[in-house]
Amino acid sequence: EPLTLTMNSKGEIFFLDSKVEYEKIIAKILAVSKNRTDTRIYVRGDKTINYGRVLEVMGMLSGSGFTKVALISEPYKER
């Protein structure tokens, strides 16, 4: 079962429907994944958030040993 981190337009991070401080993300994910760093993690960012901030969080996850970190997007909708 993949886990999803969501970042809103303010840069706030949510995991399991709860706001999580940046410094506590790894501990929360490790607890939920039972220390399995091969757990798939999806990162979803609001379309107005700075892309660099999303990459920062993804890099932190990868740097902490998680091997299956991916960016998730919504399907394109024509306007």
C-alpha atoms as a PDB file:
ATOM      1  CA  GLU A   1       0.000   0.000   0.000  1.00  0.00           C
ATOM      2  CA  PRO A   2       1.668   3.260  -1.089  1.00  0.00           C
ATOM      3  CA  LEU A   3       1.868   6.228   1.250  1.00  0.00           C
ATOM      4  CA  THR A   4       1.113   9.778   0.099  1.00  0.00           C
ATOM      5  CA  LEU A   5       2.543  13.090   1.259  1.00  0.00           C
ATOM      6  CA  THR A   6       0.581  16.147   0.151  1.00  0.00           C
ATOM      7  CA  MET A   7       1.948  19.684   0.025  1.00  0.00           C
ATOM      8  CA  ASN A   8      -0.512  22.556  -0.165  1.00  0.00           C
ATOM      9  CA  SER A   9      -0.023  25.987  -1.741  1.00  0.00           C
ATOM     10  CA  LYS A  10       1.406  27.332   1.537  1.00  0.00           C
ATOM     11  CA  GLY A  11       4.069  24.612   1.593  1.00  0.00           C
ATOM     12  CA  GLU A  12       2.441  22.791   4.500  1.00  0.00           C
ATOM     13  CA  ILE A  13       2.931  19.036   4.459  1.00  0.00           C
ATOM     14  CA  PHE A  14       0.198  16.527   5.231  1.00  0.00           C
ATOM     15  CA  PHE A  15       0.562  12.798   5.854  1.00  0.00           C
ATOM     16  CA  LEU A  16      -2.373  10.524   6.716  1.00  0.00           C
ATOM     17  CA  ASP A  17      -4.660  13.577   6.733  1.00  0.00           C
ATOM     18  CA  SER A  18      -2.610  15.307   9.447  1.00  0.00           C
ATOM     19  CA  LYS A  19      -0.264  18.258   9.153  1.00  0.00           C
ATOM     20  CA  VAL A  20       3.339  17.201   9.759  1.00  0.00           C
ATOM     21  CA  GLU A  21       6.322  19.409  10.491  1.00  0.00           C
ATOM     22  CA  TYR A  22       9.157  19.060   7.961  1.00  0.00           C
ATOM     23  CA  GLU A  23      11.574  17.780  10.622  1.00  0.00           C
ATOM     24  CA  LYS A  24       9.209  14.957  11.635  1.00  0.00           C
ATOM     25  CA  ILE A  25       8.317  13.557   8.209  1.00  0.00           C
ATOM     26  CA  ILE A  26      10.909  10.779   8.181  1.00  0.00           C
ATOM     27  CA  ALA A  27      10.058   9.565  11.692  1.00  0.00           C
ATOM     28  CA  LYS A  28       6.325   9.473  10.868  1.00  0.00           C
ATOM     29  CA  ILE A  29       6.830   7.575   7.613  1.00  0.00           C
ATOM     30  CA  LEU A  30       9.224   5.095   9.219  1.00  0.00           C
ATOM     31  CA  ALA A  31       6.714   4.439  11.999  1.00  0.00           C
ATOM     32  CA  VAL A  32       3.833   3.833   9.584  1.00  0.00           C
ATOM     33  CA  SER A  33       5.933   1.756   7.165  1.00  0.00           C
ATOM     34  CA  LYS A  34       7.398  -0.308  10.020  1.00  0.00           C
ATOM     35  CA  ASN A  35      10.909   0.880   9.081  1.00  0.00           C
ATOM     36  CA  ARG A  36      10.598  -0.438   5.520  1.00  0.00           C
ATOM     37  CA  THR A  37      12.477   1.908   3.232  1.00  0.00           C
ATOM     38  CA  ASP A  38      11.168   0.045   0.170  1.00  0.00           C
ATOM     39  CA  THR A  39       7.650   1.384   0.827  1.00  0.00           C
ATOM     40  CA  ARG A  40       6.319   3.341  -2.160  1.00  0.00           C
ATOM     41  CA  ILE A  41       5.840   7.025  -1.308  1.00  0.00           C
ATOM     42  CA  TYR A  42       3.941   9.422  -3.536  1.00  0.00           C
ATOM     43  CA  VAL A  43       4.492  13.152  -3.186  1.00  0.00           C
ATOM     44  CA  ARG A  44       1.661  15.392  -4.369  1.00  0.00           C
ATOM     45  CA  GLY A  45       2.119  19.147  -4.557  1.00  0.00           C
ATOM     46  CA  ASP A  46      -0.409  21.898  -5.151  1.00  0.00           C
ATOM     47  CA  LYS A  47      -0.012  23.313  -8.652  1.00  0.00           C
ATOM     48  CA  THR A  48       0.973  26.715  -7.252  1.00  0.00           C
ATOM     49  CA  ILE A  49       3.723  25.463  -4.921  1.00  0.00           C
ATOM     50  CA  ASN A  50       7.360  26.099  -5.729  1.00  0.00           C
ATOM     51  CA  TYR A  51       8.642  23.011  -7.547  1.00  0.00           C
ATOM     52  CA  GLY A  52      11.967  23.325  -5.710  1.00  0.00           C
ATOM     53  CA  ARG A  53      10.182  22.796  -2.407  1.00  0.00           C
ATOM     54  CA  VAL A  54       8.633  19.574  -3.695  1.00  0.00           C
ATOM     55  CA  LEU A  55      12.048  18.379  -4.891  1.00  0.00           C
ATOM     56  CA  GLU A  56      13.531  19.257  -1.504  1.00  0.00           C
ATOM     57  CA  VAL A  57      11.062  16.944   0.245  1.00  0.00           C
ATOM     58  CA  MET A  58      11.585  14.199  -2.333  1.00  0.00           C
ATOM     59  CA  GLY A  59      15.352  14.514  -1.926  1.00  0.00           C
ATOM     60  CA  MET A  60      15.053  14.291   1.846  1.00  0.00           C
ATOM     61  CA  LEU A  61      13.036  11.068   1.495  1.00  0.00           C
ATOM     62  CA  SER A  62      15.533   9.555  -0.949  1.00  0.00           C
ATOM     63  CA  GLY A  63      18.459  10.678   1.192  1.00  0.00           C
ATOM     64  CA  SER A  64      16.881   8.918   4.169  1.00  0.00           C
ATOM     65  CA  GLY A  65      16.992   5.606   2.338  1.00  0.00           C
ATOM     66  CA  PHE A  66      13.537   5.432   0.778  1.00  0.00           C
ATOM     67  CA  THR A  67      13.985   3.851  -2.648  1.00  0.00           C
ATOM     68  CA  LYS A  68      10.520   4.258  -4.176  1.00  0.00           C
ATOM     69  CA  VAL A  69       9.700   7.966  -4.083  1.00  0.00           C
ATOM     70  CA  ALA A  70       7.590   9.378  -6.927  1.00  0.00           C
ATOM     71  CA  LEU A  71       5.832  12.580  -7.858  1.00  0.00           C
ATOM     72  CA  ILE A  72       2.127  12.148  -8.466  1.00  0.00           C
ATOM     73  CA  SER A  73       0.056  14.459 -10.631  1.00  0.00           C
ATOM     74  CA  GLU A  74      -3.531  14.955 -11.597  1.00  0.00           C
ATOM     75  CA  PRO A  75      -4.585  14.063 -15.151  1.00  0.00           C
ATOM     76  CA  TYR A  76      -4.396  16.971 -17.564  1.00  0.00           C
ATOM     77  CA  LYS A  77      -7.707  18.704 -18.169  1.00  0.00           C
ATOM     78  CA  GLU A  78      -8.206  21.060 -21.090  1.00  0.00           C
ATOM     79  CA  ARG A  79      -9.506  24.460 -20.158  1.00  0.00           C
END
